[in-house]
Amino acid sequence: MSKKEASKSPRPDNVAQLPTRCVAEGCSKKSSRMNFCQDHFVWFKEGLVTKEGSKPSDFDKKYMAFQARHKSAA
C-alpha cells in the first residue's frame, strides 16, 4: 500500500462518543459521574433512575422512601 492510499483511508468509526449531557429524562445539565449530573447520580445510586436514564416501574414507592430517608437526615 502506497503512502497516498494509506492517507486516503477513512478513519475508523468504531470509536464511541461519550455523552456530555446527563442521560436522565428531561435533564440537560452537564454530566459529571457515569453520564449523570450530580443530582441524578444520587438518584441512580438510590435506584430512582436506571443506567439508561429512565424511571423504574416502582419509581413512586422508591421516591417516597428516598424522601423519608433524606427528610430525617436533614
C-alpha atoms as a PDB file:
ATOM      1  CA  MET A   1       0.000   0.000   0.000  1.00  0.00           C
ATOM      2  CA  SER A   2       1.473   3.315  -1.004  1.00  0.00           C
ATOM      3  CA  LYS A   3       1.516   6.429   1.160  1.00  0.00           C
ATOM      4  CA  LYS A   4      -1.218   8.046  -0.965  1.00  0.00           C
ATOM      5  CA  GLU A   5      -3.564   5.104  -0.472  1.00  0.00           C
ATOM      6  CA  ALA A   6      -2.836   4.958   3.252  1.00  0.00           C
ATOM      7  CA  SER A   7      -3.620   8.646   3.703  1.00  0.00           C
ATOM      8  CA  LYS A   8      -6.924   8.311   1.809  1.00  0.00           C
ATOM      9  CA  SER A   9      -8.234   5.520   4.037  1.00  0.00           C
ATOM     10  CA  PRO A  10     -11.162   6.684   6.179  1.00  0.00           C
ATOM     11  CA  ARG A  11     -10.827   6.952   9.917  1.00  0.00           C
ATOM     12  CA  PRO A  12     -12.269   4.007  11.809  1.00  0.00           C
ATOM     13  CA  ASP A  13     -15.766   4.689  13.098  1.00  0.00           C
ATOM     14  CA  ASN A  14     -15.639   2.187  15.940  1.00  0.00           C
ATOM     15  CA  VAL A  15     -14.956   4.934  18.467  1.00  0.00           C
ATOM     16  CA  ALA A  16     -17.877   5.553  20.809  1.00  0.00           C
ATOM     17  CA  GLN A  17     -18.688   9.162  21.646  1.00  0.00           C
ATOM     18  CA  LEU A  18     -19.241   9.703  25.358  1.00  0.00           C
ATOM     19  CA  PRO A  19     -22.340  11.697  26.229  1.00  0.00           C
ATOM     20  CA  THR A  20     -21.602  15.148  27.577  1.00  0.00           C
ATOM     21  CA  ARG A  21     -25.106  15.727  28.947  1.00  0.00           C
ATOM     22  CA  CYS A  22     -26.961  13.913  31.704  1.00  0.00           C
ATOM     23  CA  VAL A  23     -28.838  10.898  30.335  1.00  0.00           C
ATOM     24  CA  ALA A  24     -31.769  11.240  32.759  1.00  0.00           C
ATOM     25  CA  GLU A  25     -35.136  12.014  31.165  1.00  0.00           C
ATOM     26  CA  GLY A  26     -35.638  15.745  30.696  1.00  0.00           C
ATOM     27  CA  CYS A  27     -32.251  16.790  32.085  1.00  0.00           C
ATOM     28  CA  SER A  28     -29.839  18.913  30.081  1.00  0.00           C
ATOM     29  CA  LYS A  29     -27.141  19.536  32.702  1.00  0.00           C
ATOM     30  CA  LYS A  30     -23.539  18.580  32.045  1.00  0.00           C
ATOM     31  CA  SER A  31     -22.699  15.039  33.134  1.00  0.00           C
ATOM     32  CA  SER A  32     -20.153  14.608  35.877  1.00  0.00           C
ATOM     33  CA  ARG A  33     -20.333  10.971  37.028  1.00  0.00           C
ATOM     34  CA  MET A  34     -21.348   7.893  34.999  1.00  0.00           C
ATOM     35  CA  ASN A  35     -23.150  10.084  32.406  1.00  0.00           C
ATOM     36  CA  PHE A  36     -25.364  11.702  35.078  1.00  0.00           C
ATOM     37  CA  CYS A  37     -25.337  15.175  36.597  1.00  0.00           C
ATOM     38  CA  GLN A  38     -24.616  15.272  40.337  1.00  0.00           C
ATOM     39  CA  ASP A  39     -28.314  15.271  41.341  1.00  0.00           C
ATOM     40  CA  HIS A  40     -29.302  12.386  39.077  1.00  0.00           C
ATOM     41  CA  PHE A  41     -26.215  10.401  40.111  1.00  0.00           C
ATOM     42  CA  VAL A  42     -27.616  10.362  43.646  1.00  0.00           C
ATOM     43  CA  TRP A  43     -30.943   9.189  42.212  1.00  0.00           C
ATOM     44  CA  PHE A  44     -29.105   6.461  40.261  1.00  0.00           C
ATOM     45  CA  LYS A  45     -27.352   5.250  43.405  1.00  0.00           C
ATOM     46  CA  GLU A  46     -30.713   5.168  45.230  1.00  0.00           C
ATOM     47  CA  GLY A  47     -32.391   3.214  42.399  1.00  0.00           C
ATOM     48  CA  LEU A  48     -34.653   6.063  41.231  1.00  0.00           C
ATOM     49  CA  VAL A  49     -33.117   6.128  37.723  1.00  0.00           C
ATOM     50  CA  THR A  50     -31.818   3.276  35.546  1.00  0.00           C
ATOM     51  CA  LYS A  51     -28.476   3.304  33.708  1.00  0.00           C
ATOM     52  CA  GLU A  52     -30.282   4.482  30.595  1.00  0.00           C
ATOM     53  CA  GLY A  53     -31.853   7.414  32.469  1.00  0.00           C
ATOM     54  CA  SER A  54     -35.450   6.190  32.623  1.00  0.00           C
ATOM     55  CA  LYS A  55     -37.546   5.779  35.762  1.00  0.00           C
ATOM     56  CA  PRO A  56     -38.217   2.237  37.027  1.00  0.00           C
ATOM     57  CA  SER A  57     -41.753   0.854  37.244  1.00  0.00           C
ATOM     58  CA  ASP A  58     -41.815   1.221  41.050  1.00  0.00           C
ATOM     59  CA  PHE A  59     -40.498   4.802  40.999  1.00  0.00           C
ATOM     60  CA  ASP A  60     -43.235   6.213  43.263  1.00  0.00           C
ATOM     61  CA  LYS A  61     -42.539   3.719  46.052  1.00  0.00           C
ATOM     62  CA  LYS A  62     -38.781   4.265  45.847  1.00  0.00           C
ATOM     63  CA  TYR A  63     -39.148   8.056  45.695  1.00  0.00           C
ATOM     64  CA  MET A  64     -41.341   8.120  48.824  1.00  0.00           C
ATOM     65  CA  ALA A  65     -38.744   6.045  50.715  1.00  0.00           C
ATOM     66  CA  PHE A  66     -35.960   8.303  49.378  1.00  0.00           C
ATOM     67  CA  GLN A  67     -37.769  11.422  50.605  1.00  0.00           C
ATOM     68  CA  ALA A  68     -38.403   9.880  54.027  1.00  0.00           C
ATOM     69  CA  ARG A  69     -34.722   8.961  54.431  1.00  0.00           C
ATOM     70  CA  HIS A  70     -33.485  12.391  53.392  1.00  0.00           C
ATOM     71  CA  LYS A  71     -36.098  14.327  55.363  1.00  0.00           C
ATOM     72  CA  SER A  72     -34.983  12.671  58.615  1.00  0.00           C
ATOM     73  CA  ALA A  73     -31.298  13.168  57.743  1.00  0.00           C
ATOM     74  CA  ALA A  74     -31.657  16.911  57.130  1.00  0.00           C
END
